[in-house]
PDB file of N, CA and C in Angstrom:
ATOM      1  N   MET A   1     113.400 128.773  80.542  1.00  0.00           N
ATOM      2  CA  MET A   1     113.364 128.069  81.831  1.00  0.00           C
ATOM      3  C   MET A   1     111.946 127.521  82.098  1.00  0.00           C
ATOM      4  N   VAL A   2     111.970 126.346  82.661  1.00  0.00           N
ATOM      5  CA  VAL A   2     110.681 125.738  82.981  1.00  0.00           C
ATOM      6  C   VAL A   2     110.696 125.257  84.437  1.00  0.00           C
ATOM      7  N   ASP A   3     109.620 125.301  85.097  1.00  0.00           N
ATOM      8  CA  ASP A   3     109.481 124.751  86.447  1.00  0.00           C
ATOM      9  C   ASP A   3     108.593 123.501  86.386  1.00  0.00           C
ATOM     10  N   MET A   4     109.036 122.481  87.072  1.00  0.00           N
ATOM     11  CA  MET A   4     108.252 121.248  87.227  1.00  0.00           C
ATOM     12  C   MET A   4     107.992 121.000  88.654  1.00  0.00           C
ATOM     13  N   TYR A   5     106.781 120.510  88.950  1.00  0.00           N
ATOM     14  CA  TYR A   5     106.315 120.273  90.299  1.00  0.00           C
ATOM     15  C   TYR A   5     105.981 118.797  90.380  1.00  0.00           C
ATOM     16  N   VAL A   6     106.414 118.116  91.383  1.00  0.00           N
ATOM     17  CA  VAL A   6     106.129 116.721  91.565  1.00  0.00           C
ATOM     18  C   VAL A   6     105.349 116.535  92.859  1.00  0.00           C
ATOM     19  N   LEU A   7     104.135 116.007  92.775  1.00  0.00           N
ATOM     20  CA  LEU A   7     103.300 115.697  93.946  1.00  0.00           C
ATOM     21  C   LEU A   7     103.597 114.233  94.292  1.00  0.00           C
ATOM     22  N   ILE A   8     103.886 113.965  95.526  1.00  0.00           N
ATOM     23  CA  ILE A   8     104.341 112.660  95.936  1.00  0.00           C
ATOM     24  C   ILE A   8     103.496 112.120  97.118  1.00  0.00           C
ATOM     25  N   VAL A   9     103.196 110.820  96.993  1.00  0.00           N
ATOM     26  CA  VAL A   9     102.632 110.053  98.076  1.00  0.00           C
ATOM     27  C   VAL A   9     103.707 109.162  98.596  1.00  0.00           C
ATOM     28  N   CYS A  10     103.883 109.194  99.982  1.00  0.00           N
ATOM     29  CA  CYS A  10     104.973 108.433 100.611  1.00  0.00           C
ATOM     30  C   CYS A  10     104.419 107.187 101.374  1.00  0.00           C
ATOM     31  N   ASP A  11     105.287 106.286 101.676  1.00  0.00           N
ATOM     32  CA  ASP A  11     104.874 105.272 102.657  1.00  0.00           C
ATOM     33  C   ASP A  11     104.609 105.876 104.014  1.00  0.00           C
ATOM     34  N   LEU A  12     103.659 105.322 104.720  1.00  0.00           N
ATOM     35  CA  LEU A  12     103.219 105.868 105.973  1.00  0.00           C
ATOM     36  C   LEU A  12     104.394 106.067 106.949  1.00  0.00           C
ATOM     37  N   GLY A  13     104.512 107.250 107.509  1.00  0.00           N
ATOM     38  CA  GLY A  13     105.529 107.536 108.492  1.00  0.00           C
ATOM     39  C   GLY A  13     106.905 107.869 107.968  1.00  0.00           C
ATOM     40  N   ARG A  14     107.027 108.029 106.677  1.00  0.00           N
ATOM     41  CA  ARG A  14     108.382 108.304 106.083  1.00  0.00           C
ATOM     42  C   ARG A  14     108.519 109.641 105.438  1.00  0.00           C
ATOM     43  N   THR A  15     107.508 110.492 105.587  1.00  0.00           N
ATOM     44  CA  THR A  15     107.489 111.800 104.863  1.00  0.00           C
ATOM     45  C   THR A  15     108.726 112.665 105.220  1.00  0.00           C
ATOM     46  N   GLU A  16     109.011 112.776 106.462  1.00  0.00           N
ATOM     47  CA  GLU A  16     110.229 113.657 106.804  1.00  0.00           C
ATOM     48  C   GLU A  16     111.494 113.106 106.246  1.00  0.00           C
ATOM     49  N   GLU A  17     111.694 111.809 106.376  1.00  0.00           N
ATOM     50  CA  GLU A  17     112.924 111.178 105.831  1.00  0.00           C
ATOM     51  C   GLU A  17     113.014 111.390 104.345  1.00  0.00           C
ATOM     52  N   ILE A  18     111.922 111.192 103.618  1.00  0.00           N
ATOM     53  CA  ILE A  18     111.996 111.316 102.163  1.00  0.00           C
ATOM     54  C   ILE A  18     112.114 112.750 101.776  1.00  0.00           C
ATOM     55  N   ALA A  19     111.467 113.734 102.515  1.00  0.00           N
ATOM     56  CA  ALA A  19     111.682 115.122 102.157  1.00  0.00           C
ATOM     57  C   ALA A  19     113.140 115.505 102.299  1.00  0.00           C
ATOM     58  N   SER A  20     113.817 115.040 103.333  1.00  0.00           N
ATOM     59  CA  SER A  20     115.251 115.277 103.517  1.00  0.00           C
ATOM     60  C   SER A  20     116.007 114.704 102.377  1.00  0.00           C
ATOM     61  N   ASP A  21     115.728 113.524 101.942  1.00  0.00           N
ATOM     62  CA  ASP A  21     116.470 112.832 100.839  1.00  0.00           C
ATOM     63  C   ASP A  21     116.269 113.628  99.553  1.00  0.00           C
ATOM     64  N   LEU A  22     115.045 114.127  99.309  1.00  0.00           N
ATOM     65  CA  LEU A  22     114.828 114.856  98.121  1.00  0.00           C
ATOM     66  C   LEU A  22     115.587 116.184  98.029  1.00  0.00           C
ATOM     67  N   GLN A  23     115.812 116.829  99.144  1.00  0.00           N
ATOM     68  CA  GLN A  23     116.556 118.117  99.164  1.00  0.00           C
ATOM     69  C   GLN A  23     117.945 117.964  98.707  1.00  0.00           C
ATOM     70  N   GLU A  24     118.488 116.774  98.728  1.00  0.00           N
ATOM     71  CA  GLU A  24     119.906 116.536  98.251  1.00  0.00           C
ATOM     72  C   GLU A  24     120.037 116.308  96.814  1.00  0.00           C
ATOM     73  N   ILE A  25     118.966 116.242  96.060  1.00  0.00           N
ATOM     74  CA  ILE A  25     119.012 116.012  94.605  1.00  0.00           C
ATOM     75  C   ILE A  25     119.281 117.294  93.879  1.00  0.00           C
ATOM     76  N   ASP A  26     120.209 117.261  92.960  1.00  0.00           N
ATOM     77  CA  ASP A  26     120.630 118.466  92.159  1.00  0.00           C
ATOM     78  C   ASP A  26     119.436 118.881  91.353  1.00  0.00           C
ATOM     79  N   LYS A  27     119.233 120.194  91.225  1.00  0.00           N
ATOM     80  CA  LYS A  27     118.138 120.854  90.489  1.00  0.00           C
ATOM     81  C   LYS A  27     116.766 120.865  91.239  1.00  0.00           C
ATOM     82  N   VAL A  28     116.730 120.192  92.339  1.00  0.00           N
ATOM     83  CA  VAL A  28     115.528 120.327  93.181  1.00  0.00           C
ATOM     84  C   VAL A  28     115.697 121.664  93.918  1.00  0.00           C
ATOM     85  N   LYS A  29     114.717 122.558  93.725  1.00  0.00           N
ATOM     86  CA  LYS A  29     114.838 123.895  94.280  1.00  0.00           C
ATOM     87  C   LYS A  29     114.082 124.033  95.611  1.00  0.00           C
ATOM     88  N   GLU A  30     112.928 123.385  95.745  1.00  0.00           N
ATOM     89  CA  GLU A  30     112.121 123.521  96.932  1.00  0.00           C
ATOM     90  C   GLU A  30     111.438 122.163  97.242  1.00  0.00           C
ATOM     91  N   VAL A  31     111.320 121.879  98.527  1.00  0.00           N
ATOM     92  CA  VAL A  31     110.619 120.613  98.993  1.00  0.00           C
ATOM     93  C   VAL A  31     109.706 121.037 100.119  1.00  0.00           C
ATOM     94  N   TYR A  32     108.412 120.754 100.028  1.00  0.00           N
ATOM     95  CA  TYR A  32     107.470 120.993 101.086  1.00  0.00           C
ATOM     96  C   TYR A  32     106.648 119.819 101.499  1.00  0.00           C
ATOM     97  N   MET A  33     106.566 119.610 102.755  1.00  0.00           N
ATOM     98  CA  MET A  33     105.579 118.591 103.267  1.00  0.00           C
ATOM     99  C   MET A  33     104.241 119.235 103.341  1.00  0.00           C
ATOM    100  N   ILE A  34     103.230 118.599 102.796  1.00  0.00           N
ATOM    101  CA  ILE A  34     101.910 119.176 102.684  1.00  0.00           C
ATOM    102  C   ILE A  34     100.843 118.259 103.233  1.00  0.00           C
ATOM    103  N   SER A  35      99.654 118.755 103.455  1.00  0.00           N
ATOM    104  CA  SER A  35      98.579 117.953 103.882  1.00  0.00           C
ATOM    105  C   SER A  35      97.594 117.738 102.734  1.00  0.00           C
ATOM    106  N   GLY A  36      96.772 116.699 102.837  1.00  0.00           N
ATOM    107  CA  GLY A  36      95.845 116.402 101.773  1.00  0.00           C
ATOM    108  C   GLY A  36      96.099 115.061 101.109  1.00  0.00           C
ATOM    109  N   ALA A  37      95.815 114.961  99.827  1.00  0.00           N
ATOM    110  CA  ALA A  37      95.905 113.692  99.125  1.00  0.00           C
ATOM    111  C   ALA A  37      97.393 113.370  98.868  1.00  0.00           C
ATOM    112  N   TYR A  38      98.296 114.364  98.952  1.00  0.00           N
ATOM    113  CA  TYR A  38      99.659 114.085  98.724  1.00  0.00           C
ATOM    114  C   TYR A  38     100.481 114.503  99.969  1.00  0.00           C
ATOM    115  N   ASP A  39     101.671 113.955 100.101  1.00  0.00           N
ATOM    116  CA  ASP A  39     102.491 114.211 101.273  1.00  0.00           C
ATOM    117  C   ASP A  39     103.596 115.230 101.087  1.00  0.00           C
ATOM    118  N   ILE A  40     104.098 115.319  99.869  1.00  0.00           N
ATOM    119  CA  ILE A  40     105.221 116.204  99.540  1.00  0.00           C
ATOM    120  C   ILE A  40     104.981 116.868  98.152  1.00  0.00           C
ATOM    121  N   ILE A  41     105.392 118.082  98.015  1.00  0.00           N
ATOM    122  CA  ILE A  41     105.469 118.742  96.697  1.00  0.00           C
ATOM    123  C   ILE A  41     106.909 119.185  96.514  1.00  0.00           C
ATOM    124  N   VAL A  42     107.472 118.915  95.370  1.00  0.00           N
ATOM    125  CA  VAL A  42     108.869 119.232  94.975  1.00  0.00           C
ATOM    126  C   VAL A  42     108.793 120.178  93.788  1.00  0.00           C
ATOM    127  N   LYS A  43     109.613 121.242  93.860  1.00  0.00           N
ATOM    128  CA  LYS A  43     109.770 122.132  92.681  1.00  0.00           C
ATOM    129  C   LYS A  43     111.211 121.944  92.154  1.00  0.00           C
ATOM    130  N   MET A  44     111.326 121.770  90.863  1.00  0.00           N
ATOM    131  CA  MET A  44     112.634 121.698  90.196  1.00  0.00           C
ATOM    132  C   MET A  44     112.582 122.589  88.963  1.00  0.00           C
ATOM    133  N   SER A  45     113.715 123.101  88.637  1.00  0.00           N
ATOM    134  CA  SER A  45     113.804 124.068  87.519  1.00  0.00           C
ATOM    135  C   SER A  45     114.984 123.732  86.571  1.00  0.00           C
ATOM    136  N   GLY A  46     114.782 123.958  85.256  1.00  0.00           N
ATOM    137  CA  GLY A  46     115.756 123.711  84.306  1.00  0.00           C
ATOM    138  C   GLY A  46     115.373 124.391  83.005  1.00  0.00           C
ATOM    139  N   PRO A  47     116.213 124.271  82.006  1.00  0.00           N
ATOM    140  CA  PRO A  47     115.979 124.961  80.714  1.00  0.00           C
ATOM    141  C   PRO A  47     114.820 124.358  79.977  1.00  0.00           C
ATOM    142  N   SER A  48     114.551 123.053  80.158  1.00  0.00           N
ATOM    143  CA  SER A  48     113.440 122.376  79.421  1.00  0.00           C
ATOM    144  C   SER A  48     112.988 121.178  80.139  1.00  0.00           C
ATOM    145  N   PRO A  49     111.784 120.650  79.814  1.00  0.00           N
ATOM    146  CA  PRO A  49     111.337 119.382  80.537  1.00  0.00           C
ATOM    147  C   PRO A  49     112.336 118.234  80.256  1.00  0.00           C
ATOM    148  N   LYS A  50     112.908 118.229  79.066  1.00  0.00           N
ATOM    149  CA  LYS A  50     113.859 117.147  78.713  1.00  0.00           C
ATOM    150  C   LYS A  50     115.050 117.198  79.638  1.00  0.00           C
ATOM    151  N   ASP A  51     115.520 118.407  80.020  1.00  0.00           N
ATOM    152  CA  ASP A  51     116.658 118.581  80.816  1.00  0.00           C
ATOM    153  C   ASP A  51     116.353 118.042  82.281  1.00  0.00           C
ATOM    154  N   LEU A  52     115.161 117.965  82.632  1.00  0.00           N
ATOM    155  CA  LEU A  52     114.758 117.518  83.988  1.00  0.00           C
ATOM    156  C   LEU A  52     114.382 116.069  84.099  1.00  0.00           C
ATOM    157  N   GLU A  53     114.401 115.329  83.009  1.00  0.00           N
ATOM    158  CA  GLU A  53     114.036 113.930  83.048  1.00  0.00           C
ATOM    159  C   GLU A  53     114.873 113.145  84.045  1.00  0.00           C
ATOM    160  N   HIS A  54     116.207 113.352  84.019  1.00  0.00           N
ATOM    161  CA  HIS A  54     117.073 112.614  84.944  1.00  0.00           C
ATOM    162  C   HIS A  54     116.778 112.967  86.408  1.00  0.00           C
ATOM    163  N   VAL A  55     116.377 114.195  86.681  1.00  0.00           N
ATOM    164  CA  VAL A  55     116.029 114.575  88.012  1.00  0.00           C
ATOM    165  C   VAL A  55     114.752 113.869  88.468  1.00  0.00           C
ATOM    166  N   TYR A  56     113.800 113.803  87.567  1.00  0.00           N
ATOM    167  CA  TYR A  56     112.546 113.100  87.884  1.00  0.00           C
ATOM    168  C   TYR A  56     112.860 111.594  88.166  1.00  0.00           C
ATOM    169  N   SER A  57     113.739 111.034  87.391  1.00  0.00           N
ATOM    170  CA  SER A  57     114.129 109.599  87.637  1.00  0.00           C
ATOM    171  C   SER A  57     114.759 109.404  89.008  1.00  0.00           C
ATOM    172  N   LYS A  58     115.566 110.354  89.421  1.00  0.00           N
ATOM    173  CA  LYS A  58     116.138 110.238  90.724  1.00  0.00           C
ATOM    174  C   LYS A  58     115.109 110.376  91.837  1.00  0.00           C
ATOM    175  N   ILE A  59     114.137 111.293  91.607  1.00  0.00           N
ATOM    176  CA  ILE A  59     113.050 111.432  92.609  1.00  0.00           C
ATOM    177  C   ILE A  59     112.268 110.124  92.680  1.00  0.00           C
ATOM    178  N   ARG A  60     111.892 109.516  91.581  1.00  0.00           N
ATOM    179  CA  ARG A  60     111.123 108.280  91.548  1.00  0.00           C
ATOM    180  C   ARG A  60     111.884 107.112  92.221  1.00  0.00           C
ATOM    181  N   ASN A  61     113.163 107.165  92.260  1.00  0.00           N
ATOM    182  CA  ASN A  61     113.967 106.099  92.800  1.00  0.00           C
ATOM    183  C   ASN A  61     114.243 106.251  94.307  1.00  0.00           C
ATOM    184  N   VAL A  62     113.723 107.336  94.932  1.00  0.00           N
ATOM    185  CA  VAL A  62     113.944 107.482  96.374  1.00  0.00           C
ATOM    186  C   VAL A  62     113.038 106.436  97.059  1.00  0.00           C
ATOM    187  N   SER A  63     113.692 105.667  97.953  1.00  0.00           N
ATOM    188  CA  SER A  63     112.987 104.652  98.675  1.00  0.00           C
ATOM    189  C   SER A  63     111.795 105.223  99.479  1.00  0.00           C
ATOM    190  N   GLY A  64     110.620 104.613  99.439  1.00  0.00           N
ATOM    191  CA  GLY A  64     109.500 105.018 100.200  1.00  0.00           C
ATOM    192  C   GLY A  64     108.493 105.829  99.460  1.00  0.00           C
ATOM    193  N   ILE A  65     108.786 106.186  98.165  1.00  0.00           N
ATOM    194  CA  ILE A  65     107.858 106.936  97.388  1.00  0.00           C
ATOM    195  C   ILE A  65     106.874 105.939  96.721  1.00  0.00           C
ATOM    196  N   LYS A  66     105.622 106.123  96.927  1.00  0.00           N
ATOM    197  CA  LYS A  66     104.611 105.204  96.367  1.00  0.00           C
ATOM    198  C   LYS A  66     104.156 105.674  94.992  1.00  0.00           C
ATOM    199  N   THR A  67     103.725 106.878  94.856  1.00  0.00           N
ATOM    200  CA  THR A  67     103.257 107.458  93.610  1.00  0.00           C
ATOM    201  C   THR A  67     103.654 108.892  93.420  1.00  0.00           C
ATOM    202  N   THR A  68     103.644 109.314  92.140  1.00  0.00           N
ATOM    203  CA  THR A  68     103.901 110.730  91.891  1.00  0.00           C
ATOM    204  C   THR A  68     103.006 111.213  90.735  1.00  0.00           C
ATOM    205  N   ILE A  69     102.804 112.472  90.710  1.00  0.00           N
ATOM    206  CA  ILE A  69     102.194 113.161  89.610  1.00  0.00           C
ATOM    207  C   ILE A  69     103.055 114.390  89.339  1.00  0.00           C
ATOM    208  N   THR A  70     103.380 114.587  88.040  1.00  0.00           N
ATOM    209  CA  THR A  70     104.247 115.667  87.645  1.00  0.00           C
ATOM    210  C   THR A  70     103.449 116.721  86.898  1.00  0.00           C
ATOM    211  N   LEU A  71     103.718 117.976  87.233  1.00  0.00           N
ATOM    212  CA  LEU A  71     103.059 119.169  86.595  1.00  0.00           C
ATOM    213  C   LEU A  71     104.210 120.030  86.042  1.00  0.00           C
ATOM    214  N   VAL A  72     103.985 120.525  84.802  1.00  0.00           N
ATOM    215  CA  VAL A  72     104.952 121.348  84.199  1.00  0.00           C
ATOM    216  C   VAL A  72     104.380 122.755  84.101  1.00  0.00           C
ATOM    217  N   GLY A  73     105.099 123.760  84.582  1.00  0.00           N
ATOM    218  CA  GLY A  73     104.704 125.167  84.487  1.00  0.00           C
ATOM    219  C   GLY A  73     105.393 125.838  83.345  1.00  0.00           C
ATOM    220  N   TYR A  74     104.620 126.396  82.508  1.00  0.00           N
ATOM    221  CA  TYR A  74     105.179 127.150  81.371  1.00  0.00           C
ATOM    222  C   TYR A  74     104.856 128.661  81.552  1.00  0.00           C
ATOM    223  N   THR A  75     105.725 129.518  81.027  1.00  0.00           N
ATOM    224  CA  THR A  75     105.446 130.913  80.964  1.00  0.00           C
ATOM    225  C   THR A  75     104.489 131.172  79.792  1.00  0.00           C
ATOM    226  N   LYS A  76     103.996 132.342  79.720  1.00  0.00           N
ATOM    227  CA  LYS A  76     103.105 132.730  78.601  1.00  0.00           C
ATOM    228  C   LYS A  76     103.741 132.480  77.235  1.00  0.00           C
ATOM    229  N   ASN A  77     105.061 132.707  77.150  1.00  0.00           N
ATOM    230  CA  ASN A  77     105.761 132.593  75.876  1.00  0.00           C
ATOM    231  C   ASN A  77     106.499 131.274  75.736  1.00  0.00           C
ATOM    232  N   GLY A  78     106.058 130.229  76.415  1.00  0.00           N
ATOM    233  CA  GLY A  78     106.673 128.895  76.268  1.00  0.00           C
ATOM    234  C   GLY A  78     107.813 128.757  77.293  1.00  0.00           C
ATOM    235  N   TYR A  79     108.910 128.172  76.941  1.00  0.00           N
ATOM    236  CA  TYR A  79     109.996 127.879  77.790  1.00  0.00           C
ATOM    237  C   TYR A  79     110.794 129.242  77.938  1.00  0.00           C
TER     238      TYR A  79
END
């Protein structure tokens, strides 16, 4: 199992709307609105990074998302 985190910058004034849309995507486990350089952090989980590619594509296609950075969390023993 692997966890992936996506840091998201949204269009001004659309953070709550986008956070709501992201919660509807399958395999998205948690969505938080945050302060700082990014507006939202999303946690998704799956058997491997490859398994989550389609989820990431759905996230990137949400209207109002300007940029993303993806982080992959591995356990000590790999996936």
